[in-house]
């Protein structure tokens, strides 16, 4: 069964998120320990989180 345009668009969003995460990983070595800690806390507080979106998809 072919995917709908909305499903393809949503998968493209996931690809965009992956690119963003790779960019974050690439810059981490240049950050101080304090900056890395603050970035980690910011990511942990982000809502919705990647994990919560996956849980929502699996629950449906």
N, C-alpha and C. Protein backbone atom coordinates (compact mmCIF):
# COMPACT_ATOMS: atom_id res chain seq x y z
N UNK A 1 0.84 -1.17 0.00
CA UNK A 1 0.00 0.00 0.00
C UNK A 1 0.90 1.24 0.00
N UNK A 2 0.67 2.16 -0.93
CA UNK A 2 1.49 3.38 -0.98
C UNK A 2 1.18 4.30 0.21
N UNK A 3 2.17 5.08 0.60
CA UNK A 3 2.01 6.02 1.70
C UNK A 3 1.30 7.28 1.23
N UNK A 4 0.55 7.86 2.14
CA UNK A 4 -0.12 9.12 1.84
C UNK A 4 0.90 10.25 1.85
N UNK A 5 0.55 11.36 1.27
CA UNK A 5 1.41 12.54 1.28
C UNK A 5 1.72 12.99 2.70
N UNK A 6 0.74 12.86 3.57
CA UNK A 6 0.94 13.27 4.97
C UNK A 6 1.96 12.36 5.67
N UNK A 7 1.91 11.07 5.40
CA UNK A 7 2.87 10.14 5.99
C UNK A 7 4.28 10.43 5.48
N UNK A 8 4.42 10.69 4.20
CA UNK A 8 5.73 11.02 3.62
C UNK A 8 6.26 12.32 4.22
N UNK A 9 5.39 13.32 4.35
CA UNK A 9 5.78 14.61 4.94
C UNK A 9 6.24 14.41 6.38
N UNK A 10 5.52 13.58 7.12
CA UNK A 10 5.89 13.31 8.51
C UNK A 10 7.24 12.60 8.59
N UNK A 11 7.49 11.68 7.70
CA UNK A 11 8.79 11.00 7.66
C UNK A 11 9.91 11.99 7.32
N UNK A 12 9.61 12.96 6.48
CA UNK A 12 10.60 14.01 6.17
C UNK A 12 10.90 14.85 7.42
N UNK A 13 9.89 15.08 8.26
CA UNK A 13 10.13 15.79 9.52
C UNK A 13 11.09 15.01 10.40
N UNK A 14 10.92 13.69 10.44
CA UNK A 14 11.82 12.84 11.21
C UNK A 14 13.25 12.97 10.67
N UNK A 15 13.39 12.98 9.35
CA UNK A 15 14.71 13.17 8.75
C UNK A 15 15.30 14.52 9.17
N UNK A 16 14.48 15.55 9.21
CA UNK A 16 14.95 16.87 9.65
C UNK A 16 15.42 16.84 11.10
N UNK A 17 14.70 16.11 11.94
CA UNK A 17 15.10 15.98 13.34
C UNK A 17 16.45 15.27 13.43
N UNK A 18 16.65 14.23 12.62
CA UNK A 18 17.92 13.51 12.62
C UNK A 18 19.07 14.42 12.21
N UNK A 19 18.85 15.27 11.23
CA UNK A 19 19.89 16.22 10.81
C UNK A 19 20.21 17.17 11.96
N UNK A 20 19.19 17.65 12.64
CA UNK A 20 19.40 18.55 13.78
C UNK A 20 20.19 17.85 14.89
N UNK A 21 19.86 16.61 15.17
CA UNK A 21 20.58 15.87 16.22
C UNK A 21 22.04 15.65 15.83
N UNK A 22 22.29 15.38 14.55
CA UNK A 22 23.69 15.24 14.09
C UNK A 22 24.44 16.55 14.26
N UNK A 23 23.78 17.66 14.00
CA UNK A 23 24.42 18.98 14.20
C UNK A 23 24.75 19.21 15.66
N UNK A 24 23.83 18.83 16.54
CA UNK A 24 24.08 18.96 17.98
C UNK A 24 25.29 18.11 18.36
N UNK A 25 25.33 16.87 17.91
CA UNK A 25 26.45 15.99 18.22
C UNK A 25 27.77 16.54 17.69
N UNK A 26 27.74 17.17 16.54
CA UNK A 26 28.95 17.71 15.93
C UNK A 26 29.52 18.88 16.72
N UNK A 27 28.66 19.67 17.35
CA UNK A 27 29.13 20.85 18.08
C UNK A 27 29.53 20.54 19.52
N UNK A 28 29.07 19.42 20.06
CA UNK A 28 29.34 19.10 21.46
C UNK A 28 30.82 19.15 21.85
N UNK A 29 31.73 18.65 21.03
CA UNK A 29 33.14 18.69 21.42
C UNK A 29 33.68 20.11 21.64
N UNK A 30 33.06 21.09 21.02
CA UNK A 30 33.55 22.47 21.15
C UNK A 30 32.96 23.19 22.37
N UNK A 31 32.02 22.57 23.06
CA UNK A 31 31.39 23.20 24.22
C UNK A 31 32.15 22.87 25.50
N UNK A 32 32.06 23.76 26.44
CA UNK A 32 32.65 23.49 27.75
C UNK A 32 31.76 22.48 28.48
N UNK A 33 32.27 21.92 29.56
CA UNK A 33 31.49 20.97 30.33
C UNK A 33 30.20 21.62 30.85
N UNK A 34 30.30 22.85 31.32
CA UNK A 34 29.11 23.57 31.79
C UNK A 34 28.10 23.78 30.67
N UNK A 35 28.58 24.14 29.50
CA UNK A 35 27.67 24.34 28.36
C UNK A 35 27.00 23.03 27.97
N UNK A 36 27.77 21.95 27.95
CA UNK A 36 27.17 20.65 27.62
C UNK A 36 26.08 20.27 28.64
N UNK A 37 26.36 20.54 29.91
CA UNK A 37 25.38 20.26 30.95
C UNK A 37 24.11 21.07 30.73
N UNK A 38 24.28 22.34 30.42
CA UNK A 38 23.11 23.20 30.21
C UNK A 38 22.32 22.79 28.96
N UNK A 39 23.04 22.40 27.91
CA UNK A 39 22.36 21.93 26.69
C UNK A 39 21.59 20.64 27.01
N UNK A 40 22.22 19.74 27.76
CA UNK A 40 21.55 18.48 28.12
C UNK A 40 20.28 18.74 28.92
N UNK A 41 20.35 19.65 29.87
CA UNK A 41 19.17 19.98 30.67
C UNK A 41 18.07 20.58 29.79
N UNK A 42 18.47 21.42 28.86
CA UNK A 42 17.50 22.04 27.95
C UNK A 42 16.82 20.96 27.10
N UNK A 43 17.59 20.01 26.61
CA UNK A 43 17.02 18.92 25.81
C UNK A 43 16.07 18.08 26.66
N UNK A 44 16.48 17.77 27.89
CA UNK A 44 15.63 16.95 28.78
C UNK A 44 14.29 17.62 29.06
N UNK A 45 14.28 18.95 29.12
CA UNK A 45 13.05 19.69 29.43
C UNK A 45 12.19 19.96 28.20
N UNK A 46 12.72 19.68 27.02
CA UNK A 46 11.98 19.95 25.79
C UNK A 46 10.68 19.15 25.77
N UNK A 47 9.61 19.81 25.37
CA UNK A 47 8.31 19.14 25.32
C UNK A 47 7.57 19.56 24.07
N UNK A 48 7.14 18.62 23.25
CA UNK A 48 7.22 17.20 23.47
C UNK A 48 8.64 16.68 23.20
N UNK A 49 8.97 15.59 23.86
CA UNK A 49 10.28 14.97 23.64
C UNK A 49 10.16 13.94 22.52
N UNK A 50 11.30 13.55 21.99
CA UNK A 50 11.32 12.52 20.95
C UNK A 50 10.66 11.25 21.48
N UNK A 51 11.01 10.89 22.72
CA UNK A 51 10.46 9.67 23.33
C UNK A 51 8.94 9.76 23.50
N UNK A 52 8.43 10.93 23.87
CA UNK A 52 6.97 11.05 24.06
C UNK A 52 6.22 10.95 22.73
N UNK A 53 6.84 11.41 21.67
CA UNK A 53 6.22 11.31 20.34
C UNK A 53 6.20 9.84 19.90
N UNK A 54 7.29 9.13 20.12
CA UNK A 54 7.34 7.70 19.79
C UNK A 54 6.28 6.94 20.59
N UNK A 55 6.15 7.25 21.87
CA UNK A 55 5.13 6.60 22.71
C UNK A 55 3.73 6.88 22.19
N UNK A 56 3.48 8.12 21.76
CA UNK A 56 2.17 8.47 21.23
C UNK A 56 1.86 7.70 19.93
N UNK A 57 2.88 7.54 19.11
CA UNK A 57 2.69 6.79 17.85
C UNK A 57 2.38 5.34 18.16
N UNK A 58 3.14 4.75 19.09
CA UNK A 58 2.96 3.34 19.41
C UNK A 58 1.62 3.09 20.12
N UNK A 59 1.09 4.07 20.80
CA UNK A 59 -0.17 3.90 21.54
C UNK A 59 -1.38 3.90 20.63
N UNK A 60 -1.24 4.42 19.45
CA UNK A 60 -2.40 4.55 18.55
C UNK A 60 -2.68 3.29 17.81
